[in-house]
Amino acid sequence: MAESSSVRRPTQRDTLLGCFWMAVAACCFTTMGIAAREMHITGFSTPNIMVWRSSIGLLMATAIILLSGRLSQFQTRQKKGHLVRNCVHFVGQFAWFYALGLLPLVLVTSLNATVPLWGAILAIVYLKEKVTTQRLVVIGLAFMGVLIILRPGGMELHHASLVSLIGAMGYAGSMILAKKLTQKDSAMTVVFWMMLIQLPMSIAFSVGMQTWYWPGWSDLLPIVVVGATGVLAHFAMATGLHKADATIAMPVTYIQFPLVAALGFILYTEIPSIYTGIGTALIIAANWYNIARRQ
């Protein structure tokens, strides 16, 4: 009996392509983080940022589909799946944008580095990917890295650190759900429905929290960057997760670390603590070991 395509093992070429697209996504997320930080400094609230991100993103996704002539990408038979995925992603997105306004960039990125950790757990539970001793060791080492970064009991935790960690869980869940959706829908369809669903959610939050801020002309660039990189990042991420196993592709996003560290220092004079550095290095090393020793 032929093996089902839904459980087909990715080829080496697929895995390399998946890792490439995840690297593109990482660069886009880094750029989006800088733009969101600038919007926070100007006076935008987290719901405001999400409204503009979804608005620009929806316009871009619509234009791309129209220009490509692939109108079928507007359609999906997985509306419920998209709704569930975007409710989970909304939590992750909100938490990430919120933390960017209160914590150093490198700390937010450190806590977000746990996304592959949560993703590996969810991939085993939800996607039924193979459980190996190697993967369990990797998960354990990554948890140790989180504890070193947060140092529970050793320092007063900023509430935004815990919010950021919750956001990482949300991102991981949305990535796993996106991988499932791309089995039937294209990456651009996933992006289009993400923007379409999250725009009214963002508007409702912004109105409900009474935090609307009208932008000026000087805010145009970061607004466009947040929206454009949102589309590109999620298109690249959906493509990468479609090509490769989630537990292999997701750790590639760690290439944003040197980028964030450099930009945080250059733009905001932020210097990461030794604990952040050690904990993050442990998380990264554990996941790259997972890639190098893939079973």
Protein backbone atom coordinates (compact mmCIF):
# COMPACT_ATOMS: atom_id res chain seq x y z
CA MET A 1 0.00 0.00 0.00
CA ALA A 2 1.38 3.46 -0.89
CA GLU A 3 2.42 5.63 1.97
CA SER A 4 0.11 8.57 2.64
CA SER A 5 1.47 11.92 1.45
CA SER A 6 0.56 13.44 4.79
CA VAL A 7 3.20 11.34 6.49
CA ARG A 8 5.73 11.37 3.66
CA ARG A 9 9.26 11.77 4.96
CA PRO A 10 10.85 14.94 3.50
CA THR A 11 13.72 14.41 1.07
CA GLN A 12 17.11 16.00 1.70
CA ARG A 13 16.31 18.65 -0.93
CA ASP A 14 12.97 19.41 0.75
CA THR A 15 14.69 19.75 4.11
CA LEU A 16 17.29 22.16 2.73
CA LEU A 17 14.60 24.24 1.04
CA GLY A 18 12.56 24.23 4.23
CA CYS A 19 15.53 25.48 6.23
CA PHE A 20 16.22 28.18 3.62
CA TRP A 21 12.66 29.52 3.83
CA MET A 22 12.79 29.47 7.64
CA ALA A 23 15.99 31.56 7.45
CA VAL A 24 14.15 34.08 5.26
CA ALA A 25 11.33 34.14 7.81
CA ALA A 26 13.83 34.80 10.62
CA CYS A 27 15.27 37.83 8.81
CA CYS A 28 11.77 39.18 8.22
CA PHE A 29 10.79 38.71 11.87
CA THR A 30 13.93 40.57 12.95
CA THR A 31 13.07 43.51 10.70
CA MET A 32 9.45 43.48 11.89
CA GLY A 33 10.63 43.56 15.52
CA ILE A 34 12.73 46.67 14.93
CA ALA A 35 9.83 48.41 13.15
CA ALA A 36 7.42 47.47 15.97
CA ARG A 37 9.85 48.81 18.58
CA GLU A 38 9.99 52.13 16.69
CA MET A 39 6.19 52.26 16.63
CA HIS A 40 6.07 51.67 20.41
CA ILE A 41 8.54 54.52 20.93
CA THR A 42 6.35 56.83 18.80
CA GLY A 43 3.26 56.07 20.85
CA PHE A 44 1.47 53.15 19.18
CA SER A 45 -0.11 50.60 21.49
CA THR A 46 0.14 46.86 20.84
CA PRO A 47 -3.41 46.63 19.38
CA ASN A 48 -2.65 49.63 17.12
CA ILE A 49 0.44 47.92 15.75
CA MET A 50 -1.53 44.76 15.06
CA VAL A 51 -4.26 46.70 13.22
CA TRP A 52 -1.75 48.29 10.86
CA ARG A 53 0.18 45.07 10.45
CA SER A 54 -2.98 43.19 9.41
CA SER A 55 -4.27 46.05 7.22
CA ILE A 56 -1.07 46.42 5.20
CA GLY A 57 -0.62 42.66 5.14
CA LEU A 58 -4.14 42.04 3.82
CA LEU A 59 -3.63 44.60 1.02
CA MET A 60 -0.29 43.02 0.09
CA ALA A 61 -1.56 39.44 0.15
CA THR A 62 -4.60 40.40 -1.94
CA ALA A 63 -2.43 42.25 -4.49
CA ILE A 64 0.02 39.34 -4.78
CA ILE A 65 -2.78 36.85 -5.42
CA LEU A 66 -4.48 39.12 -7.97
CA LEU A 67 -1.24 39.86 -9.82
CA SER A 68 -0.31 36.17 -9.90
CA GLY A 69 -3.71 35.30 -11.36
CA ARG A 70 -4.12 32.44 -8.90
CA LEU A 71 -7.54 33.48 -7.65
CA SER A 72 -8.12 30.04 -6.16
CA GLN A 73 -5.74 31.08 -3.37
CA PHE A 74 -8.54 33.23 -1.95
CA GLN A 75 -10.51 30.05 -1.30
CA THR A 76 -10.13 27.37 1.34
CA ARG A 77 -12.07 24.39 2.61
CA GLN A 78 -10.35 24.67 5.98
CA LYS A 79 -12.06 27.79 7.36
CA LYS A 80 -12.41 26.27 10.83
CA GLY A 81 -8.75 25.27 10.82
CA HIS A 82 -7.69 28.79 9.81
CA LEU A 83 -9.87 30.30 12.53
CA VAL A 84 -8.39 28.07 15.23
CA ARG A 85 -4.84 28.64 13.97
CA ASN A 86 -5.29 32.41 13.96
CA CYS A 87 -6.79 32.55 17.43
CA VAL A 88 -3.67 30.77 18.67
CA HIS A 89 -1.39 32.95 16.54
CA PHE A 90 -3.12 36.13 17.73
CA VAL A 91 -2.06 35.29 21.29
CA GLY A 92 1.54 34.78 20.19
CA GLN A 93 1.58 37.93 18.04
CA PHE A 94 0.02 40.13 20.73
CA ALA A 95 2.43 38.86 23.39
CA TRP A 96 5.46 39.40 21.13
CA PHE A 97 4.52 42.96 20.17
CA TYR A 98 3.67 43.75 23.81
CA ALA A 99 7.01 42.48 25.09
CA LEU A 100 8.92 44.42 22.42
CA GLY A 101 7.69 47.65 23.98
CA LEU A 102 8.91 46.79 27.49
CA LEU A 103 11.94 44.49 27.27
CA PRO A 104 15.34 44.64 25.53
CA LEU A 105 15.21 43.21 22.01
CA VAL A 106 17.69 40.46 22.77
CA LEU A 107 15.72 39.29 25.84
CA VAL A 108 12.48 39.08 23.86
CA THR A 109 14.32 37.14 21.18
CA SER A 110 15.87 34.85 23.81
CA LEU A 111 12.48 33.93 25.19
CA ASN A 112 11.10 33.61 21.68
CA ALA A 113 13.92 31.14 21.02
CA THR A 114 11.83 28.62 22.94
CA VAL A 115 9.41 28.43 19.99
CA PRO A 116 11.22 25.38 18.54
CA LEU A 117 11.12 23.79 22.00
CA TRP A 118 7.34 24.11 22.23
CA GLY A 119 7.14 23.26 18.55
CA ALA A 120 9.05 20.02 19.06
CA ILE A 121 6.69 19.01 21.85
CA LEU A 122 3.61 19.85 19.79
CA ALA A 123 5.05 18.14 16.69
CA ILE A 124 5.40 14.93 18.69
CA VAL A 125 1.92 15.19 20.22
CA TYR A 126 -0.09 16.74 17.37
CA LEU A 127 1.75 15.78 14.18
CA LYS A 128 2.77 12.34 15.51
CA GLU A 129 6.42 12.91 14.55
CA LYS A 130 8.81 10.26 15.81
CA VAL A 131 9.78 10.35 19.49
CA THR A 132 13.48 9.62 20.02
CA THR A 133 15.85 9.79 22.95
CA GLN A 134 17.75 12.48 21.06
CA ARG A 135 14.71 14.72 20.80
CA LEU A 136 13.84 14.24 24.47
CA VAL A 137 17.39 15.23 25.44
CA VAL A 138 17.17 18.30 23.23
CA ILE A 139 13.89 19.34 24.87
CA GLY A 140 15.41 18.89 28.33
CA LEU A 141 18.47 20.98 27.49
CA ALA A 142 16.28 23.71 26.02
CA PHE A 143 14.25 23.86 29.25
CA MET A 144 17.50 24.29 31.17
CA GLY A 145 18.33 27.22 28.92
CA VAL A 146 14.97 28.84 29.71
CA LEU A 147 15.57 28.47 33.44
CA ILE A 148 19.00 30.08 33.13
CA ILE A 149 17.53 33.04 31.23
CA LEU A 150 14.64 33.60 33.64
CA ARG A 151 16.50 32.60 36.83
CA PRO A 152 13.32 32.02 38.88
CA GLY A 153 13.99 33.07 42.47
CA GLY A 154 17.28 34.71 41.53
CA MET A 155 15.80 37.99 40.30
CA GLU A 156 12.53 39.87 40.09
CA LEU A 157 10.83 38.75 36.91
CA HIS A 158 9.30 41.42 34.71
CA HIS A 159 5.75 40.44 33.87
CA ALA A 160 6.52 41.02 30.18
CA SER A 161 9.04 38.15 30.33
CA LEU A 162 6.27 35.73 31.21
CA VAL A 163 4.01 37.29 28.57
CA SER A 164 6.79 36.77 26.02
CA LEU A 165 7.13 33.12 27.02
CA ILE A 166 3.38 32.61 26.61
CA GLY A 167 3.71 34.26 23.22
CA ALA A 168 6.38 31.74 22.23
CA MET A 169 3.96 28.94 23.04
CA GLY A 170 1.33 30.63 20.90
CA TYR A 171 3.75 30.98 17.99
CA ALA A 172 4.75 27.33 18.26
CA GLY A 173 1.12 26.22 18.22
CA SER A 174 0.37 28.41 15.21
CA MET A 175 3.38 27.02 13.33
CA ILE A 176 2.26 23.44 13.92
CA LEU A 177 -1.28 24.29 12.84
CA ALA A 178 0.10 26.10 9.77
CA LYS A 179 2.03 22.98 8.80
CA LYS A 180 -1.23 21.05 8.92
CA LEU A 181 -3.06 23.68 6.83
CA THR A 182 -0.38 23.72 4.11
CA GLN A 183 -1.10 20.09 3.37
CA LYS A 184 -4.18 21.33 1.49
CA ASP A 185 -3.75 25.11 1.12
CA SER A 186 -0.93 27.13 -0.42
CA ALA A 187 1.35 29.26 1.74
CA MET A 188 -0.21 32.44 0.32
CA THR A 189 -3.70 31.17 1.17
CA VAL A 190 -2.57 30.68 4.76
CA VAL A 191 -1.18 34.22 4.86
CA PHE A 192 -4.29 35.77 3.25
CA TRP A 193 -6.66 34.13 5.71
CA MET A 194 -4.39 35.05 8.61
CA MET A 195 -4.61 38.74 7.75
CA LEU A 196 -8.34 38.53 6.96
CA ILE A 197 -9.18 36.91 10.29
CA GLN A 198 -6.81 38.89 12.49
CA LEU A 199 -7.71 42.37 11.18
CA PRO A 200 -11.18 42.51 12.82
CA MET A 201 -9.75 40.87 15.94
CA SER A 202 -7.11 43.60 16.17
CA ILE A 203 -9.64 46.38 15.57
CA ALA A 204 -11.90 44.99 18.29
CA PHE A 205 -9.01 44.92 20.78
CA SER A 206 -7.92 48.43 19.86
CA VAL A 207 -11.43 49.86 20.23
CA GLY A 208 -12.10 47.88 23.39
CA MET A 209 -8.88 49.03 25.06
CA GLN A 210 -9.38 52.63 23.81
CA THR A 211 -5.77 52.91 22.74
CA TRP A 212 -6.07 54.21 19.18
CA TYR A 213 -3.24 56.43 17.97
CA TRP A 214 -3.44 58.26 14.63
CA PRO A 215 -0.11 58.05 12.81
CA GLY A 216 1.75 60.89 11.16
CA TRP A 217 3.71 60.89 7.91
CA SER A 218 6.89 59.99 9.80
CA ASP A 219 5.19 56.77 10.95
CA LEU A 220 4.54 55.57 7.40
CA LEU A 221 7.81 53.66 6.98
CA PRO A 222 7.58 51.49 10.14
CA ILE A 223 3.88 50.82 9.43
CA VAL A 224 4.65 49.59 5.91
CA VAL A 225 7.63 47.56 7.14
CA VAL A 226 5.57 45.85 9.87
CA GLY A 227 2.87 44.92 7.36
CA ALA A 228 5.17 43.86 4.53
CA THR A 229 7.49 41.76 6.67
CA GLY A 230 4.43 40.16 8.27
CA VAL A 231 3.33 38.85 4.87
CA LEU A 232 6.81 37.80 3.77
CA ALA A 233 7.70 36.19 7.11
CA HIS A 234 4.58 34.05 7.27
CA PHE A 235 4.73 33.10 3.60
CA ALA A 236 8.33 31.95 4.12
CA MET A 237 7.46 30.18 7.37
CA ALA A 238 4.47 28.34 5.88
CA THR A 239 6.59 27.30 2.90
CA GLY A 240 9.44 26.11 5.13
CA LEU A 241 7.16 24.08 7.37
CA HIS A 242 5.53 22.50 4.33
CA LYS A 243 8.92 21.38 3.00
CA ALA A 244 10.61 20.08 6.17
CA ASP A 245 9.80 18.48 9.52
CA ALA A 246 8.85 21.14 12.08
CA THR A 247 11.47 19.96 14.57
CA ILE A 248 14.18 20.42 11.93
CA ALA A 249 13.02 23.63 10.24
CA MET A 250 12.02 25.70 13.27
CA PRO A 251 15.45 25.93 14.97
CA VAL A 252 16.84 27.61 11.84
CA THR A 253 15.12 30.80 13.00
CA TYR A 254 17.98 31.18 15.51
CA ILE A 255 20.02 33.00 12.87
CA GLN A 256 18.13 36.10 13.95
CA PHE A 257 20.07 36.09 17.23
CA PRO A 258 23.30 37.69 16.02
CA LEU A 259 21.19 40.12 13.97
CA VAL A 260 19.07 41.15 16.96
CA ALA A 261 22.07 41.40 19.29
CA ALA A 262 23.91 43.67 16.84
CA LEU A 263 20.90 45.85 16.05
CA GLY A 264 19.89 46.10 19.70
CA PHE A 265 23.36 47.38 20.59
CA ILE A 266 23.65 49.74 17.61
CA LEU A 267 20.16 51.23 17.78
CA TYR A 268 19.32 51.09 21.49
CA THR A 269 22.66 50.46 23.27
CA GLU A 270 21.27 47.22 24.70
CA ILE A 271 23.77 44.74 26.13
CA PRO A 272 22.46 41.25 26.99
CA SER A 273 23.20 39.81 30.43
CA ILE A 274 25.58 36.88 30.82
CA TYR A 275 22.64 34.70 31.91
CA THR A 276 20.69 35.57 28.76
CA GLY A 277 23.75 34.71 26.69
CA ILE A 278 24.42 31.37 28.38
CA GLY A 279 20.79 30.27 28.41
CA THR A 280 20.24 31.20 24.79
CA ALA A 281 23.47 29.49 23.72
CA LEU A 282 22.28 26.31 25.42
CA ILE A 283 18.91 26.44 23.66
CA ILE A 284 20.51 27.07 20.29
CA ALA A 285 23.17 24.38 20.75
CA ALA A 286 20.55 21.81 21.75
CA ASN A 287 18.43 22.46 18.68
CA TRP A 288 21.32 22.59 16.23
CA TYR A 289 22.50 19.27 17.65
CA ASN A 290 19.02 18.01 16.82
CA ILE A 291 19.54 19.08 13.21
CA ALA A 292 23.10 17.66 12.93
CA ARG A 293 22.15 14.28 14.40
CA ARG A 294 18.76 13.95 12.70
CA GLN A 295 17.36 10.44 12.93
